[in-house]
């Protein structure tokens, strides 16, 4: 069996209202992020209480999570792009250290 080489990356988990999803994906695209996964209709409890997912007929108010893996050097520019947004809107960005086996899938 071949040994897989692990490469350090950062995982971003961006949680925001569905109405602002396009802002976030546009920012990621402009930063050169090669891909992301969107999970819709999140439920959970936060500083503003419990949030129920699966709202019928109102996709703008549901919470979505955008998950991506990026090289460390673009984390700071992305956070700078999100900073003004999160001063006016609810949401959060979680950042984790991860290892990936195929960096070509995540790096330009």
C-alpha atoms as a PDB file:
ATOM      1  CA  UNK A   1       0.000   0.000   0.000  1.00  0.00           C
ATOM      2  CA  UNK A   2       1.241   3.488  -0.800  1.00  0.00           C
ATOM      3  CA  UNK A   3       1.931   5.904   2.013  1.00  0.00           C
ATOM      4  CA  UNK A   4      -0.204   9.008   1.834  1.00  0.00           C
ATOM      5  CA  UNK A   5       1.553  12.265   2.639  1.00  0.00           C
ATOM      6  CA  UNK A   6      -0.378  14.592   4.933  1.00  0.00           C
ATOM      7  CA  UNK A   7      -0.394  18.315   4.227  1.00  0.00           C
ATOM      8  CA  UNK A   8      -1.431  20.991   6.740  1.00  0.00           C
ATOM      9  CA  UNK A   9      -4.480  23.093   5.877  1.00  0.00           C
ATOM     10  CA  UNK A  10      -7.120  25.075   7.730  1.00  0.00           C
ATOM     11  CA  UNK A  11     -10.779  24.111   7.817  1.00  0.00           C
ATOM     12  CA  UNK A  12     -13.247  26.981   7.879  1.00  0.00           C
ATOM     13  CA  UNK A  13     -16.804  26.410   9.029  1.00  0.00           C
ATOM     14  CA  UNK A  14     -18.812  29.535   8.273  1.00  0.00           C
ATOM     15  CA  UNK A  15     -22.283  29.745   9.798  1.00  0.00           C
ATOM     16  CA  UNK A  16     -24.641  32.473   8.616  1.00  0.00           C
ATOM     17  CA  UNK A  17     -28.208  33.112   7.526  1.00  0.00           C
ATOM     18  CA  UNK A  18     -29.218  31.750   4.137  1.00  0.00           C
ATOM     19  CA  UNK A  19     -29.888  35.295   2.916  1.00  0.00           C
ATOM     20  CA  UNK A  20     -26.138  35.979   3.143  1.00  0.00           C
ATOM     21  CA  UNK A  21     -24.853  32.739   1.649  1.00  0.00           C
ATOM     22  CA  UNK A  22     -24.094  34.359  -1.717  1.00  0.00           C
ATOM     23  CA  UNK A  23     -21.933  37.015  -0.026  1.00  0.00           C
ATOM     24  CA  UNK A  24     -19.850  34.289   1.634  1.00  0.00           C
ATOM     25  CA  UNK A  25     -19.486  32.106  -1.462  1.00  0.00           C
ATOM     26  CA  UNK A  26     -18.556  35.130  -3.591  1.00  0.00           C
ATOM     27  CA  UNK A  27     -15.853  36.058  -1.068  1.00  0.00           C
ATOM     28  CA  UNK A  28     -14.505  32.503  -1.101  1.00  0.00           C
ATOM     29  CA  UNK A  29     -14.541  32.424  -4.912  1.00  0.00           C
ATOM     30  CA  UNK A  30     -12.706  35.763  -5.180  1.00  0.00           C
ATOM     31  CA  UNK A  31     -10.073  34.489  -2.723  1.00  0.00           C
ATOM     32  CA  UNK A  32      -9.403  31.521  -4.997  1.00  0.00           C
ATOM     33  CA  UNK A  33     -10.974  28.836  -2.816  1.00  0.00           C
ATOM     34  CA  UNK A  34     -11.332  25.788  -5.051  1.00  0.00           C
ATOM     35  CA  UNK A  35     -14.392  24.273  -3.420  1.00  0.00           C
ATOM     36  CA  UNK A  36     -16.724  24.178  -0.460  1.00  0.00           C
ATOM     37  CA  UNK A  37     -19.652  22.245   0.940  1.00  0.00           C
ATOM     38  CA  UNK A  38     -22.892  23.915   1.999  1.00  0.00           C
ATOM     39  CA  UNK A  39     -25.057  22.360   4.705  1.00  0.00           C
ATOM     40  CA  UNK A  40     -28.491  23.982   4.933  1.00  0.00           C
ATOM     41  CA  UNK A  41     -31.202  24.198   7.565  1.00  0.00           C
ATOM     42  CA  UNK A  42     -29.056  24.002  10.688  1.00  0.00           C
ATOM     43  CA  UNK A  43     -30.639  23.699  14.100  1.00  0.00           C
ATOM     44  CA  UNK A  44     -28.914  24.496  17.352  1.00  0.00           C
ATOM     45  CA  UNK A  45     -28.551  26.735  20.343  1.00  0.00           C
ATOM     46  CA  UNK A  46     -26.392  29.843  20.477  1.00  0.00           C
ATOM     47  CA  UNK A  47     -26.189  33.225  22.162  1.00  0.00           C
ATOM     48  CA  UNK A  48     -29.607  34.183  20.768  1.00  0.00           C
ATOM     49  CA  UNK A  49     -31.300  30.974  21.966  1.00  0.00           C
ATOM     50  CA  UNK A  50     -32.454  27.925  20.024  1.00  0.00           C
ATOM     51  CA  UNK A  51     -32.632  28.159  16.241  1.00  0.00           C
ATOM     52  CA  UNK A  52     -34.941  25.760  14.435  1.00  0.00           C
ATOM     53  CA  UNK A  53     -33.946  24.542  10.993  1.00  0.00           C
ATOM     54  CA  UNK A  54     -36.268  23.487   8.177  1.00  0.00           C
ATOM     55  CA  UNK A  55     -38.306  26.666   8.018  1.00  0.00           C
ATOM     56  CA  UNK A  56     -40.961  26.245   5.372  1.00  0.00           C
ATOM     57  CA  UNK A  57     -41.083  28.855   2.603  1.00  0.00           C
ATOM     58  CA  UNK A  58     -38.280  31.030   4.013  1.00  0.00           C
ATOM     59  CA  UNK A  59     -34.798  29.886   2.985  1.00  0.00           C
ATOM     60  CA  UNK A  60     -33.329  33.318   3.755  1.00  0.00           C
ATOM     61  CA  UNK A  61     -33.761  32.945   7.520  1.00  0.00           C
ATOM     62  CA  UNK A  62     -32.415  29.402   7.902  1.00  0.00           C
ATOM     63  CA  UNK A  63     -28.858  28.957   9.091  1.00  0.00           C
ATOM     64  CA  UNK A  64     -26.367  27.454   6.659  1.00  0.00           C
ATOM     65  CA  UNK A  65     -22.825  26.218   7.173  1.00  0.00           C
ATOM     66  CA  UNK A  66     -20.189  26.545   4.476  1.00  0.00           C
ATOM     67  CA  UNK A  67     -17.254  24.184   5.011  1.00  0.00           C
ATOM     68  CA  UNK A  68     -13.968  24.548   3.153  1.00  0.00           C
ATOM     69  CA  UNK A  69     -10.298  23.603   3.412  1.00  0.00           C
ATOM     70  CA  UNK A  70      -7.793  26.331   2.563  1.00  0.00           C
ATOM     71  CA  UNK A  71      -4.055  26.964   2.712  1.00  0.00           C
ATOM     72  CA  UNK A  72      -3.055  28.885   5.829  1.00  0.00           C
ATOM     73  CA  UNK A  73      -1.922  31.927   3.843  1.00  0.00           C
ATOM     74  CA  UNK A  74      -5.446  32.827   2.739  1.00  0.00           C
ATOM     75  CA  UNK A  75      -7.111  32.531   6.149  1.00  0.00           C
ATOM     76  CA  UNK A  76      -6.195  36.073   7.244  1.00  0.00           C
ATOM     77  CA  UNK A  77      -7.393  37.737   3.996  1.00  0.00           C
ATOM     78  CA  UNK A  78     -10.660  35.800   4.241  1.00  0.00           C
ATOM     79  CA  UNK A  79     -11.183  36.883   7.860  1.00  0.00           C
ATOM     80  CA  UNK A  80     -10.510  40.489   6.842  1.00  0.00           C
ATOM     81  CA  UNK A  81     -13.193  40.124   4.169  1.00  0.00           C
ATOM     82  CA  UNK A  82     -15.690  38.692   6.656  1.00  0.00           C
ATOM     83  CA  UNK A  83     -14.956  41.205   9.467  1.00  0.00           C
ATOM     84  CA  UNK A  84     -17.204  44.056   8.222  1.00  0.00           C
ATOM     85  CA  UNK A  85     -19.984  41.565   7.477  1.00  0.00           C
ATOM     86  CA  UNK A  86     -19.970  40.085  10.984  1.00  0.00           C
ATOM     87  CA  UNK A  87     -20.026  43.564  12.542  1.00  0.00           C
ATOM     88  CA  UNK A  88     -23.541  43.966  11.068  1.00  0.00           C
ATOM     89  CA  UNK A  89     -24.870  40.395  10.820  1.00  0.00           C
ATOM     90  CA  UNK A  90     -25.045  37.324  13.022  1.00  0.00           C
ATOM     91  CA  UNK A  91     -22.880  34.308  12.370  1.00  0.00           C
ATOM     92  CA  UNK A  92     -19.471  32.870  13.140  1.00  0.00           C
ATOM     93  CA  UNK A  93     -16.375  31.374  11.529  1.00  0.00           C
ATOM     94  CA  UNK A  94     -14.722  28.354  13.161  1.00  0.00           C
ATOM     95  CA  UNK A  95     -11.126  27.610  12.126  1.00  0.00           C
ATOM     96  CA  UNK A  96      -9.437  24.252  12.717  1.00  0.00           C
ATOM     97  CA  UNK A  97      -6.074  22.741  11.872  1.00  0.00           C
ATOM     98  CA  UNK A  98      -6.513  19.773   9.550  1.00  0.00           C
ATOM     99  CA  UNK A  99      -4.420  17.463   7.380  1.00  0.00           C
ATOM    100  CA  UNK A 100      -5.320  16.613   3.775  1.00  0.00           C
ATOM    101  CA  UNK A 101      -3.911  13.907   1.549  1.00  0.00           C
ATOM    102  CA  UNK A 102      -4.490  15.570  -1.817  1.00  0.00           C
ATOM    103  CA  UNK A 103      -3.495  19.253  -1.568  1.00  0.00           C
ATOM    104  CA  UNK A 104      -3.981  19.765  -5.310  1.00  0.00           C
ATOM    105  CA  UNK A 105      -7.736  19.588  -4.644  1.00  0.00           C
ATOM    106  CA  UNK A 106      -7.550  22.613  -2.328  1.00  0.00           C
ATOM    107  CA  UNK A 107      -4.709  24.802  -3.587  1.00  0.00           C
ATOM    108  CA  UNK A 108      -4.324  26.835  -6.778  1.00  0.00           C
END
